[in-house]
Amino acid sequence: MGGSAAFGNAATRLEAFVVKGGAYAYGSYPDIDELFPQQAVELDHKKREAILHKMQQLVHDKVIAAPIWQLAGLAGVGPRVGEATIGSMGGYPWVSPYEDLTLKAG
């Protein structure tokens, strides 16, 4: 599933995220849109694979995907924090559990 939680192969992911009209596509490129129906009807596996690789290369070359979310470990540190609880659970590097975080009075 990768980072997108999208099931499927390269074709189904390109359809959802890259090709015009895709559920998560915002804008598109005509050259990529033209290749999608070609690969869908191609019966030769090698030719279909080549078309999909070309589509993926175009997506990469045009840099049409930009990360808009970055997971971050939230940590309570600073002069007002009594006990940050960072590392309080073995093998878990983030502040946890949040209800154990304490603040200093004042």
PDB file of N, CA and C in Angstrom:
ATOM      1  N   MET A   1       0.821  -1.187   0.000  1.00  0.00           N
ATOM      2  CA  MET A   1       0.000   0.000   0.000  1.00  0.00           C
ATOM      3  C   MET A   1       0.866   1.252   0.000  1.00  0.00           C
ATOM      4  N   GLY A   2       2.055   1.178   0.523  1.00  0.00           N
ATOM      5  CA  GLY A   2       2.914   2.347   0.511  1.00  0.00           C
ATOM      6  C   GLY A   2       2.380   3.477   1.377  1.00  0.00           C
ATOM      7  N   GLY A   3       2.881   4.663   1.150  1.00  0.00           N
ATOM      8  CA  GLY A   3       2.487   5.805   1.952  1.00  0.00           C
ATOM      9  C   GLY A   3       1.107   6.346   1.641  1.00  0.00           C
ATOM     10  N   SER A   4       0.561   5.982   0.485  1.00  0.00           N
ATOM     11  CA  SER A   4      -0.718   6.546   0.085  1.00  0.00           C
ATOM     12  C   SER A   4      -1.908   5.724   0.556  1.00  0.00           C
ATOM     13  N   ALA A   5      -1.674   4.530   1.035  1.00  0.00           N
ATOM     14  CA  ALA A   5      -2.732   3.599   1.412  1.00  0.00           C
ATOM     15  C   ALA A   5      -3.553   3.178   0.202  1.00  0.00           C
ATOM     16  N   ALA A   6      -2.975   3.299  -0.996  1.00  0.00           N
ATOM     17  CA  ALA A   6      -3.663   2.904  -2.226  1.00  0.00           C
ATOM     18  C   ALA A   6      -3.264   1.485  -2.598  1.00  0.00           C
ATOM     19  N   PHE A   7      -4.255   0.625  -2.736  1.00  0.00           N
ATOM     20  CA  PHE A   7      -3.993  -0.744  -3.150  1.00  0.00           C
ATOM     21  C   PHE A   7      -3.774  -0.783  -4.651  1.00  0.00           C
ATOM     22  N   GLY A   8      -3.174  -1.834  -5.136  1.00  0.00           N
ATOM     23  CA  GLY A   8      -3.079  -2.050  -6.570  1.00  0.00           C
ATOM     24  C   GLY A   8      -1.672  -2.016  -7.097  1.00  0.00           C
ATOM     25  N   ASN A   9      -1.610  -1.977  -8.424  1.00  0.00           N
ATOM     26  CA  ASN A   9      -0.323  -1.968  -9.108  1.00  0.00           C
ATOM     27  C   ASN A   9      -0.044  -0.568  -9.644  1.00  0.00           C
ATOM     28  N   ALA A  10       0.974  -0.445 -10.480  1.00  0.00           N
ATOM     29  CA  ALA A  10       1.348   0.871 -11.012  1.00  0.00           C
ATOM     30  C   ALA A  10       0.199   1.499 -11.792  1.00  0.00           C
ATOM     31  N   ALA A  11      -0.517   0.713 -12.572  1.00  0.00           N
ATOM     32  CA  ALA A  11      -1.602   1.262 -13.394  1.00  0.00           C
ATOM     33  C   ALA A  11      -2.724   1.834 -12.533  1.00  0.00           C
ATOM     34  N   THR A  12      -3.116   1.119 -11.492  1.00  0.00           N
ATOM     35  CA  THR A  12      -4.220   1.611 -10.664  1.00  0.00           C
ATOM     36  C   THR A  12      -3.806   2.843  -9.864  1.00  0.00           C
ATOM     37  N   ARG A  13      -2.562   2.908  -9.463  1.00  0.00           N
ATOM     38  CA  ARG A  13      -2.091   4.087  -8.735  1.00  0.00           C
ATOM     39  C   ARG A  13      -1.943   5.288  -9.660  1.00  0.00           C
ATOM     40  N   LEU A  14      -1.439   5.056 -10.870  1.00  0.00           N
ATOM     41  CA  LEU A  14      -1.357   6.156 -11.827  1.00  0.00           C
ATOM     42  C   LEU A  14      -2.747   6.679 -12.153  1.00  0.00           C
ATOM     43  N   GLU A  15      -3.700   5.775 -12.296  1.00  0.00           N
ATOM     44  CA  GLU A  15      -5.067   6.188 -12.607  1.00  0.00           C
ATOM     45  C   GLU A  15      -5.635   7.070 -11.494  1.00  0.00           C
ATOM     46  N   ALA A  16      -5.399   6.714 -10.253  1.00  0.00           N
ATOM     47  CA  ALA A  16      -5.964   7.463  -9.126  1.00  0.00           C
ATOM     48  C   ALA A  16      -5.246   8.782  -8.858  1.00  0.00           C
ATOM     49  N   PHE A  17      -3.929   8.816  -9.051  1.00  0.00           N
ATOM     50  CA  PHE A  17      -3.151   9.980  -8.609  1.00  0.00           C
ATOM     51  C   PHE A  17      -2.608  10.865  -9.726  1.00  0.00           C
ATOM     52  N   VAL A  18      -2.577  10.374 -10.963  1.00  0.00           N
ATOM     53  CA  VAL A  18      -1.884  11.101 -12.025  1.00  0.00           C
ATOM     54  C   VAL A  18      -2.779  11.431 -13.219  1.00  0.00           C
ATOM     55  N   VAL A  19      -3.564  10.466 -13.665  1.00  0.00           N
ATOM     56  CA  VAL A  19      -4.338  10.619 -14.891  1.00  0.00           C
ATOM     57  C   VAL A  19      -5.549  11.528 -14.661  1.00  0.00           C
ATOM     58  N   LYS A  20      -5.876  12.321 -15.664  1.00  0.00           N
ATOM     59  CA  LYS A  20      -7.009  13.252 -15.591  1.00  0.00           C
ATOM     60  C   LYS A  20      -8.274  12.509 -15.168  1.00  0.00           C
ATOM     61  N   GLY A  21      -8.958  13.081 -14.196  1.00  0.00           N
ATOM     62  CA  GLY A  21     -10.183  12.476 -13.697  1.00  0.00           C
ATOM     63  C   GLY A  21      -9.960  11.494 -12.566  1.00  0.00           C
ATOM     64  N   GLY A  22      -8.710  11.271 -12.185  1.00  0.00           N
ATOM     65  CA  GLY A  22      -8.398  10.364 -11.089  1.00  0.00           C
ATOM     66  C   GLY A  22      -8.923  10.899  -9.768  1.00  0.00           C
ATOM     67  N   ALA A  23      -9.246   9.994  -8.869  1.00  0.00           N
ATOM     68  CA  ALA A  23      -9.842  10.376  -7.592  1.00  0.00           C
ATOM     69  C   ALA A  23      -8.986  11.371  -6.812  1.00  0.00           C
ATOM     70  N   TYR A  24      -7.665  11.269  -6.924  1.00  0.00           N
ATOM     71  CA  TYR A  24      -6.777  12.149  -6.168  1.00  0.00           C
ATOM     72  C   TYR A  24      -5.915  13.021  -7.072  1.00  0.00           C
ATOM     73  N   ALA A  25      -6.256  13.090  -8.353  1.00  0.00           N
ATOM     74  CA  ALA A  25      -5.476  13.883  -9.308  1.00  0.00           C
ATOM     75  C   ALA A  25      -6.002  15.305  -9.339  1.00  0.00           C
ATOM     76  N   TYR A  26      -5.101  16.252  -9.256  1.00  0.00           N
ATOM     77  CA  TYR A  26      -5.453  17.661  -9.347  1.00  0.00           C
ATOM     78  C   TYR A  26      -4.627  18.231 -10.485  1.00  0.00           C
ATOM     79  N   GLY A  27      -5.243  18.354 -11.651  1.00  0.00           N
ATOM     80  CA  GLY A  27      -4.508  18.744 -12.844  1.00  0.00           C
ATOM     81  C   GLY A  27      -3.864  17.520 -13.465  1.00  0.00           C
ATOM     82  N   SER A  28      -3.444  17.650 -14.702  1.00  0.00           N
ATOM     83  CA  SER A  28      -2.823  16.521 -15.382  1.00  0.00           C
ATOM     84  C   SER A  28      -2.008  17.018 -16.566  1.00  0.00           C
ATOM     85  N   TYR A  29      -1.297  16.093 -17.197  1.00  0.00           N
ATOM     86  CA  TYR A  29      -0.510  16.391 -18.379  1.00  0.00           C
ATOM     87  C   TYR A  29      -1.064  15.563 -19.534  1.00  0.00           C
ATOM     88  N   PRO A  30      -1.345  16.194 -20.679  1.00  0.00           N
ATOM     89  CA  PRO A  30      -1.932  15.466 -21.809  1.00  0.00           C
ATOM     90  C   PRO A  30      -1.079  14.290 -22.293  1.00  0.00           C
ATOM     91  N   ASP A  31       0.253  14.431 -22.270  1.00  0.00           N
ATOM     92  CA  ASP A  31       1.096  13.337 -22.743  1.00  0.00           C
ATOM     93  C   ASP A  31       0.972  12.097 -21.854  1.00  0.00           C
ATOM     94  N   ILE A  32       0.809  12.298 -20.574  1.00  0.00           N
ATOM     95  CA  ILE A  32       0.612  11.166 -19.664  1.00  0.00           C
ATOM     96  C   ILE A  32      -0.796  10.614 -19.818  1.00  0.00           C
ATOM     97  N   ASP A  33      -1.777  11.505 -19.963  1.00  0.00           N
ATOM     98  CA  ASP A  33      -3.161  11.069 -20.144  1.00  0.00           C
ATOM     99  C   ASP A  33      -3.328  10.211 -21.399  1.00  0.00           C
ATOM    100  N   GLU A  34      -2.582  10.514 -22.453  1.00  0.00           N
ATOM    101  CA  GLU A  34      -2.661   9.744 -23.698  1.00  0.00           C
ATOM    102  C   GLU A  34      -2.098   8.336 -23.534  1.00  0.00           C
ATOM    103  N   LEU A  35      -1.122   8.177 -22.695  1.00  0.00           N
ATOM    104  CA  LEU A  35      -0.491   6.867 -22.515  1.00  0.00           C
ATOM    105  C   LEU A  35      -1.354   5.903 -21.706  1.00  0.00           C
ATOM    106  N   PHE A  36      -2.175   6.427 -20.817  1.00  0.00           N
ATOM    107  CA  PHE A  36      -2.938   5.542 -19.935  1.00  0.00           C
ATOM    108  C   PHE A  36      -3.881   4.606 -20.691  1.00  0.00           C
ATOM    109  N   PRO A  37      -4.716   5.103 -21.614  1.00  0.00           N
ATOM    110  CA  PRO A  37      -5.592   4.157 -22.332  1.00  0.00           C
ATOM    111  C   PRO A  37      -4.809   3.195 -23.221  1.00  0.00           C
ATOM    112  N   GLN A  38      -3.624   3.610 -23.674  1.00  0.00           N
ATOM    113  CA  GLN A  38      -2.807   2.713 -24.496  1.00  0.00           C
ATOM    114  C   GLN A  38      -2.363   1.496 -23.689  1.00  0.00           C
ATOM    115  N   GLN A  39      -1.909   1.732 -22.459  1.00  0.00           N
ATOM    116  CA  GLN A  39      -1.445   0.605 -21.645  1.00  0.00           C
ATOM    117  C   GLN A  39      -2.613  -0.273 -21.222  1.00  0.00           C
ATOM    118  N   ALA A  40      -3.793   0.323 -21.071  1.00  0.00           N
ATOM    119  CA  ALA A  40      -4.958  -0.432 -20.608  1.00  0.00           C
ATOM    120  C   ALA A  40      -5.412  -1.488 -21.621  1.00  0.00           C
ATOM    121  N   VAL A  41      -5.211  -1.234 -22.920  1.00  0.00           N
ATOM    122  CA  VAL A  41      -5.652  -2.181 -23.947  1.00  0.00           C
ATOM    123  C   VAL A  41      -4.511  -3.030 -24.494  1.00  0.00           C
ATOM    124  N   GLU A  42      -3.298  -2.759 -24.047  1.00  0.00           N
ATOM    125  CA  GLU A  42      -2.129  -3.501 -24.544  1.00  0.00           C
ATOM    126  C   GLU A  42      -2.116  -4.917 -23.968  1.00  0.00           C
ATOM    127  N   LEU A  43      -2.054  -5.904 -24.838  1.00  0.00           N
ATOM    128  CA  LEU A  43      -2.062  -7.308 -24.409  1.00  0.00           C
ATOM    129  C   LEU A  43      -0.656  -7.864 -24.197  1.00  0.00           C
ATOM    130  N   ASP A  44       0.324  -7.280 -24.852  1.00  0.00           N
ATOM    131  CA  ASP A  44       1.703  -7.725 -24.696  1.00  0.00           C
ATOM    132  C   ASP A  44       2.243  -7.161 -23.379  1.00  0.00           C
ATOM    133  N   HIS A  45       2.613  -8.055 -22.473  1.00  0.00           N
ATOM    134  CA  HIS A  45       3.067  -7.632 -21.137  1.00  0.00           C
ATOM    135  C   HIS A  45       4.293  -6.724 -21.189  1.00  0.00           C
ATOM    136  N   LYS A  46       5.216  -7.017 -22.069  1.00  0.00           N
ATOM    137  CA  LYS A  46       6.440  -6.209 -22.160  1.00  0.00           C
ATOM    138  C   LYS A  46       6.133  -4.801 -22.669  1.00  0.00           C
ATOM    139  N   LYS A  47       5.236  -4.698 -23.662  1.00  0.00           N
ATOM    140  CA  LYS A  47       4.875  -3.377 -24.180  1.00  0.00           C
ATOM    141  C   LYS A  47       4.110  -2.584 -23.131  1.00  0.00           C
ATOM    142  N   ARG A  48       3.206  -3.260 -22.433  1.00  0.00           N
ATOM    143  CA  ARG A  48       2.443  -2.577 -21.369  1.00  0.00           C
ATOM    144  C   ARG A  48       3.381  -2.099 -20.268  1.00  0.00           C
ATOM    145  N   GLU A  49       4.332  -2.945 -19.902  1.00  0.00           N
ATOM    146  CA  GLU A  49       5.308  -2.564 -18.884  1.00  0.00           C
ATOM    147  C   GLU A  49       6.113  -1.352 -19.338  1.00  0.00           C
ATOM    148  N   ALA A  50       6.497  -1.319 -20.608  1.00  0.00           N
ATOM    149  CA  ALA A  50       7.274  -0.191 -21.136  1.00  0.00           C
ATOM    150  C   ALA A  50       6.458   1.105 -21.092  1.00  0.00           C
ATOM    151  N   ILE A  51       5.176   1.020 -21.416  1.00  0.00           N
ATOM    152  CA  ILE A  51       4.317   2.211 -21.371  1.00  0.00           C
ATOM    153  C   ILE A  51       4.185   2.707 -19.935  1.00  0.00           C
ATOM    154  N   LEU A  52       3.974   1.793 -18.991  1.00  0.00           N
ATOM    155  CA  LEU A  52       3.856   2.184 -17.585  1.00  0.00           C
ATOM    156  C   LEU A  52       5.147   2.791 -17.064  1.00  0.00           C
ATOM    157  N   HIS A  53       6.284   2.214 -17.470  1.00  0.00           N
ATOM    158  CA  HIS A  53       7.574   2.785 -17.068  1.00  0.00           C
ATOM    159  C   HIS A  53       7.741   4.191 -17.631  1.00  0.00           C
ATOM    160  N   LYS A  54       7.293   4.386 -18.880  1.00  0.00           N
ATOM    161  CA  LYS A  54       7.393   5.718 -19.485  1.00  0.00           C
ATOM    162  C   LYS A  54       6.520   6.708 -18.716  1.00  0.00           C
ATOM    163  N   MET A  55       5.315   6.288 -18.324  1.00  0.00           N
ATOM    164  CA  MET A  55       4.435   7.162 -17.546  1.00  0.00           C
ATOM    165  C   MET A  55       5.076   7.516 -16.212  1.00  0.00           C
ATOM    166  N   GLN A  56       5.639   6.531 -15.535  1.00  0.00           N
ATOM    167  CA  GLN A  56       6.286   6.776 -14.257  1.00  0.00           C
ATOM    168  C   GLN A  56       7.483   7.709 -14.420  1.00  0.00           C
ATOM    169  N   GLN A  57       8.232   7.541 -15.503  1.00  0.00           N
ATOM    170  CA  GLN A  57       9.384   8.410 -15.748  1.00  0.00           C
ATOM    171  C   GLN A  57       8.929   9.843 -16.004  1.00  0.00           C
ATOM    172  N   LEU A  58       7.822  10.011 -16.739  1.00  0.00           N
ATOM    173  CA  LEU A  58       7.287  11.350 -16.981  1.00  0.00           C
ATOM    174  C   LEU A  58       6.838  12.003 -15.671  1.00  0.00           C
ATOM    175  N   VAL A  59       6.198  11.227 -14.805  1.00  0.00           N
ATOM    176  CA  VAL A  59       5.789  11.759 -13.495  1.00  0.00           C
ATOM    177  C   VAL A  59       7.020  12.212 -12.725  1.00  0.00           C
ATOM    178  N   HIS A  60       8.063  11.407 -12.761  1.00  0.00           N
ATOM    179  CA  HIS A  60       9.304  11.750 -12.067  1.00  0.00           C
ATOM    180  C   HIS A  60       9.964  12.980 -12.679  1.00  0.00           C
ATOM    181  N   ASP A  61      10.053  13.018 -14.008  1.00  0.00           N
ATOM    182  CA  ASP A  61      10.718  14.132 -14.692  1.00  0.00           C
ATOM    183  C   ASP A  61       9.983  15.449 -14.483  1.00  0.00           C
ATOM    184  N   LYS A  62       8.661  15.396 -14.466  1.00  0.00           N
ATOM    185  CA  LYS A  62       7.870  16.615 -14.331  1.00  0.00           C
ATOM    186  C   LYS A  62       7.679  17.020 -12.866  1.00  0.00           C
ATOM    187  N   VAL A  63       8.082  16.155 -11.959  1.00  0.00           N
ATOM    188  CA  VAL A  63       7.940  16.379 -10.524  1.00  0.00           C
ATOM    189  C   VAL A  63       6.526  16.882 -10.218  1.00  0.00           C
ATOM    190  N   ILE A  64       5.552  16.053 -10.555  1.00  0.00           N
ATOM    191  CA  ILE A  64       4.168  16.488 -10.382  1.00  0.00           C
ATOM    192  C   ILE A  64       3.569  16.038  -9.057  1.00  0.00           C
ATOM    193  N   ALA A  65       4.369  15.474  -8.208  1.00  0.00           N
ATOM    194  CA  ALA A  65       3.877  15.105  -6.879  1.00  0.00           C
ATOM    195  C   ALA A  65       4.724  15.842  -5.853  1.00  0.00           C
ATOM    196  N   ALA A  66       4.070  16.501  -4.929  1.00  0.00           N
ATOM    197  CA  ALA A  66       4.782  17.228  -3.878  1.00  0.00           C
ATOM    198  C   ALA A  66       4.241  16.805  -2.524  1.00  0.00           C
ATOM    199  N   PRO A  67       5.110  16.441  -1.598  1.00  0.00           N
ATOM    200  CA  PRO A  67       4.613  16.061  -0.276  1.00  0.00           C
ATOM    201  C   PRO A  67       4.016  17.271   0.429  1.00  0.00           C
ATOM    202  N   ILE A  68       2.827  17.109   0.954  1.00  0.00           N
ATOM    203  CA  ILE A  68       2.199  18.211   1.667  1.00  0.00           C
ATOM    204  C   ILE A  68       1.983  17.865   3.131  1.00  0.00           C
ATOM    205  N   TRP A  69       2.436  16.705   3.551  1.00  0.00           N
ATOM    206  CA  TRP A  69       2.269  16.274   4.929  1.00  0.00           C
ATOM    207  C   TRP A  69       3.547  15.588   5.359  1.00  0.00           C
ATOM    208  N   GLN A  70       4.023  15.937   6.489  1.00  0.00           N
ATOM    209  CA  GLN A  70       5.198  15.282   7.023  1.00  0.00           C
ATOM    210  C   GLN A  70       4.894  14.888   8.456  1.00  0.00           C
ATOM    211  N   LEU A  71       5.018  13.613   8.730  1.00  0.00           N
ATOM    212  CA  LEU A  71       4.782  13.160  10.093  1.00  0.00           C
ATOM    213  C   LEU A  71       5.893  13.678  10.990  1.00  0.00           C
ATOM    214  N   ALA A  72       5.538  14.103  12.142  1.00  0.00           N
ATOM    215  CA  ALA A  72       6.531  14.616  13.082  1.00  0.00           C
ATOM    216  C   ALA A  72       6.223  14.078  14.467  1.00  0.00           C
ATOM    217  N   GLY A  73       7.247  13.735  15.168  1.00  0.00           N
ATOM    218  CA  GLY A  73       7.070  13.317  16.547  1.00  0.00           C
ATOM    219  C   GLY A  73       6.920  14.545  17.425  1.00  0.00           C
ATOM    220  N   LEU A  74       5.778  14.704  18.033  1.00  0.00           N
ATOM    221  CA  LEU A  74       5.565  15.854  18.905  1.00  0.00           C
ATOM    222  C   LEU A  74       6.256  15.605  20.240  1.00  0.00           C
ATOM    223  N   ALA A  75       6.965  16.590  20.721  1.00  0.00           N
ATOM    224  CA  ALA A  75       7.675  16.440  21.974  1.00  0.00           C
ATOM    225  C   ALA A  75       7.468  17.683  22.836  1.00  0.00           C
ATOM    226  N   GLY A  76       7.208  17.455  24.116  1.00  0.00           N
ATOM    227  CA  GLY A  76       7.049  18.581  25.035  1.00  0.00           C
ATOM    228  C   GLY A  76       8.358  18.827  25.758  1.00  0.00           C
ATOM    229  N   VAL A  77       9.063  19.852  25.356  1.00  0.00           N
ATOM    230  CA  VAL A  77      10.312  20.220  26.019  1.00  0.00           C
ATOM    231  C   VAL A  77      10.320  21.725  26.244  1.00  0.00           C
ATOM    232  N   GLY A  78      11.049  22.179  27.228  1.00  0.00           N
ATOM    233  CA  GLY A  78      11.135  23.602  27.497  1.00  0.00           C
ATOM    234  C   GLY A  78      11.119  23.885  28.985  1.00  0.00           C
ATOM    235  N   PRO A  79      11.194  25.156  29.350  1.00  0.00           N
ATOM    236  CA  PRO A  79      11.326  25.522  30.755  1.00  0.00           C
ATOM    237  C   PRO A  79      10.083  25.208  31.594  1.00  0.00           C
ATOM    238  N   ARG A  80       8.915  25.101  30.995  1.00  0.00           N
ATOM    239  CA  ARG A  80       7.691  24.842  31.768  1.00  0.00           C
ATOM    240  C   ARG A  80       7.361  23.355  31.878  1.00  0.00           C
ATOM    241  N   VAL A  81       8.134  22.509  31.210  1.00  0.00           N
ATOM    242  CA  VAL A  81       7.845  21.078  31.222  1.00  0.00           C
ATOM    243  C   VAL A  81       8.521  20.437  32.428  1.00  0.00           C
ATOM    244  N   GLY A  82       7.702  19.765  33.250  1.00  0.00           N
ATOM    245  CA  GLY A  82       8.235  19.097  34.429  1.00  0.00           C
ATOM    246  C   GLY A  82       8.970  17.827  34.049  1.00  0.00           C
ATOM    247  N   GLU A  83       8.265  16.925  33.420  1.00  0.00           N
ATOM    248  CA  GLU A  83       8.864  15.674  32.943  1.00  0.00           C
ATOM    249  C   GLU A  83       8.388  15.471  31.517  1.00  0.00           C
ATOM    250  N   ALA A  84       9.325  15.414  30.580  1.00  0.00           N
ATOM    251  CA  ALA A  84       8.969  15.342  29.173  1.00  0.00           C
ATOM    252  C   ALA A  84       8.487  13.965  28.756  1.00  0.00           C
ATOM    253  N   THR A  85       8.811  12.942  29.473  1.00  0.00           N
ATOM    254  CA  THR A  85       8.473  11.534  29.199  1.00  0.00           C
ATOM    255  C   THR A  85       9.031  11.028  27.874  1.00  0.00           C
ATOM    256  N   ILE A  86      10.020  11.737  27.322  1.00  0.00           N
ATOM    257  CA  ILE A  86      10.645  11.246  26.099  1.00  0.00           C
ATOM    258  C   ILE A  86      11.436   9.997  26.446  1.00  0.00           C
ATOM    259  N   GLY A  87      11.167   8.943  25.729  1.00  0.00           N
ATOM    260  CA  GLY A  87      11.858   7.685  25.960  1.00  0.00           C
ATOM    261  C   GLY A  87      11.368   6.911  27.166  1.00  0.00           C
ATOM    262  N   SER A  88      10.231   7.293  27.745  1.00  0.00           N
ATOM    263  CA  SER A  88       9.736   6.596  28.934  1.00  0.00           C
ATOM    264  C   SER A  88       9.228   5.183  28.614  1.00  0.00           C
ATOM    265  N   MET A  89       8.901   4.950  27.365  1.00  0.00           N
ATOM    266  CA  MET A  89       8.504   3.608  26.938  1.00  0.00           C
ATOM    267  C   MET A  89       9.644   3.049  26.101  1.00  0.00           C
ATOM    268  N   GLY A  90      10.154   1.903  26.473  1.00  0.00           N
ATOM    269  CA  GLY A  90      11.284   1.306  25.776  1.00  0.00           C
ATOM    270  C   GLY A  90      11.003   1.077  24.299  1.00  0.00           C
ATOM    271  N   GLY A  91      11.928   1.508  23.436  1.00  0.00           N
ATOM    272  CA  GLY A  91      11.785   1.321  22.005  1.00  0.00           C
ATOM    273  C   GLY A  91      10.829   2.291  21.341  1.00  0.00           C
ATOM    274  N   TYR A  92      10.293   3.243  22.086  1.00  0.00           N
ATOM    275  CA  TYR A  92       9.352   4.222  21.542  1.00  0.00           C
ATOM    276  C   TYR A  92       9.965   5.607  21.771  1.00  0.00           C
ATOM    277  N   PRO A  93      10.490   6.245  20.717  1.00  0.00           N
ATOM    278  CA  PRO A  93      11.291   7.461  20.900  1.00  0.00           C
ATOM    279  C   PRO A  93      10.500   8.751  21.092  1.00  0.00           C
ATOM    280  N   TRP A  94       9.168   8.700  21.054  1.00  0.00           N
ATOM    281  CA  TRP A  94       8.381   9.927  21.165  1.00  0.00           C
ATOM    282  C   TRP A  94       7.835  10.116  22.569  1.00  0.00           C
ATOM    283  N   VAL A  95       7.260  11.274  22.797  1.00  0.00           N
ATOM    284  CA  VAL A  95       6.622  11.566  24.073  1.00  0.00           C
ATOM    285  C   VAL A  95       5.399  10.660  24.199  1.00  0.00           C
ATOM    286  N   SER A  96       5.377   9.874  25.245  1.00  0.00           N
ATOM    287  CA  SER A  96       4.245   8.966  25.382  1.00  0.00           C
ATOM    288  C   SER A  96       4.190   8.449  26.797  1.00  0.00           C
ATOM    289  N   PRO A  97       3.078   8.185  27.307  1.00  0.00           N
ATOM    290  CA  PRO A  97       1.770   8.681  26.862  1.00  0.00           C
ATOM    291  C   PRO A  97       1.610  10.155  27.211  1.00  0.00           C
ATOM    292  N   TYR A  98       0.794  10.852  26.453  1.00  0.00           N
ATOM    293  CA  TYR A  98       0.646  12.302  26.628  1.00  0.00           C
ATOM    294  C   TYR A  98       0.125  12.677  28.015  1.00  0.00           C
ATOM    295  N   GLU A  99      -0.706  11.838  28.587  1.00  0.00           N
ATOM    296  CA  GLU A  99      -1.267  12.185  29.896  1.00  0.00           C
ATOM    297  C   GLU A  99      -0.217  12.148  31.005  1.00  0.00           C
ATOM    298  N   ASP A 100       0.947  11.575  30.745  1.00  0.00           N
ATOM    299  CA  ASP A 100       2.018  11.573  31.733  1.00  0.00           C
ATOM    300  C   ASP A 100       2.899  12.823  31.652  1.00  0.00           C
ATOM    301  N   LEU A 101       2.715  13.647  30.661  1.00  0.00           N
ATOM    302  CA  LEU A 101       3.467  14.894  30.524  1.00  0.00           C
ATOM    303  C   LEU A 101       3.024  15.851  31.636  1.00  0.00           C
ATOM    304  N   THR A 102       3.978  16.420  32.329  1.00  0.00           N
ATOM    305  CA  THR A 102       3.629  17.348  33.423  1.00  0.00           C
ATOM    306  C   THR A 102       4.219  18.722  33.154  1.00  0.00           C
ATOM    307  N   LEU A 103       3.537  19.732  33.683  1.00  0.00           N
ATOM    308  CA  LEU A 103       4.017  21.111  33.578  1.00  0.00           C
ATOM    309  C   LEU A 103       4.374  21.632  34.952  1.00  0.00           C
ATOM    310  N   LYS A 104       5.353  22.504  34.975  1.00  0.00           N
ATOM    311  CA  LYS A 104       5.748  23.150  36.232  1.00  0.00           C
ATOM    312  C   LYS A 104       4.763  24.284  36.533  1.00  0.00           C
ATOM    313  N   ALA A 105       4.498  24.505  37.774  1.00  0.00           N
ATOM    314  CA  ALA A 105       3.591  25.596  38.188  1.00  0.00           C
ATOM    315  C   ALA A 105       4.268  26.939  37.934  1.00  0.00           C
ATOM    316  N   GLY A 106       3.471  27.892  37.537  1.00  0.00           N
ATOM    317  CA  GLY A 106       3.967  29.242  37.500  1.00  0.00           C
ATOM    318  C   GLY A 106       4.192  29.796  36.205  1.00  0.00           C
TER     319      GLY A 106
END
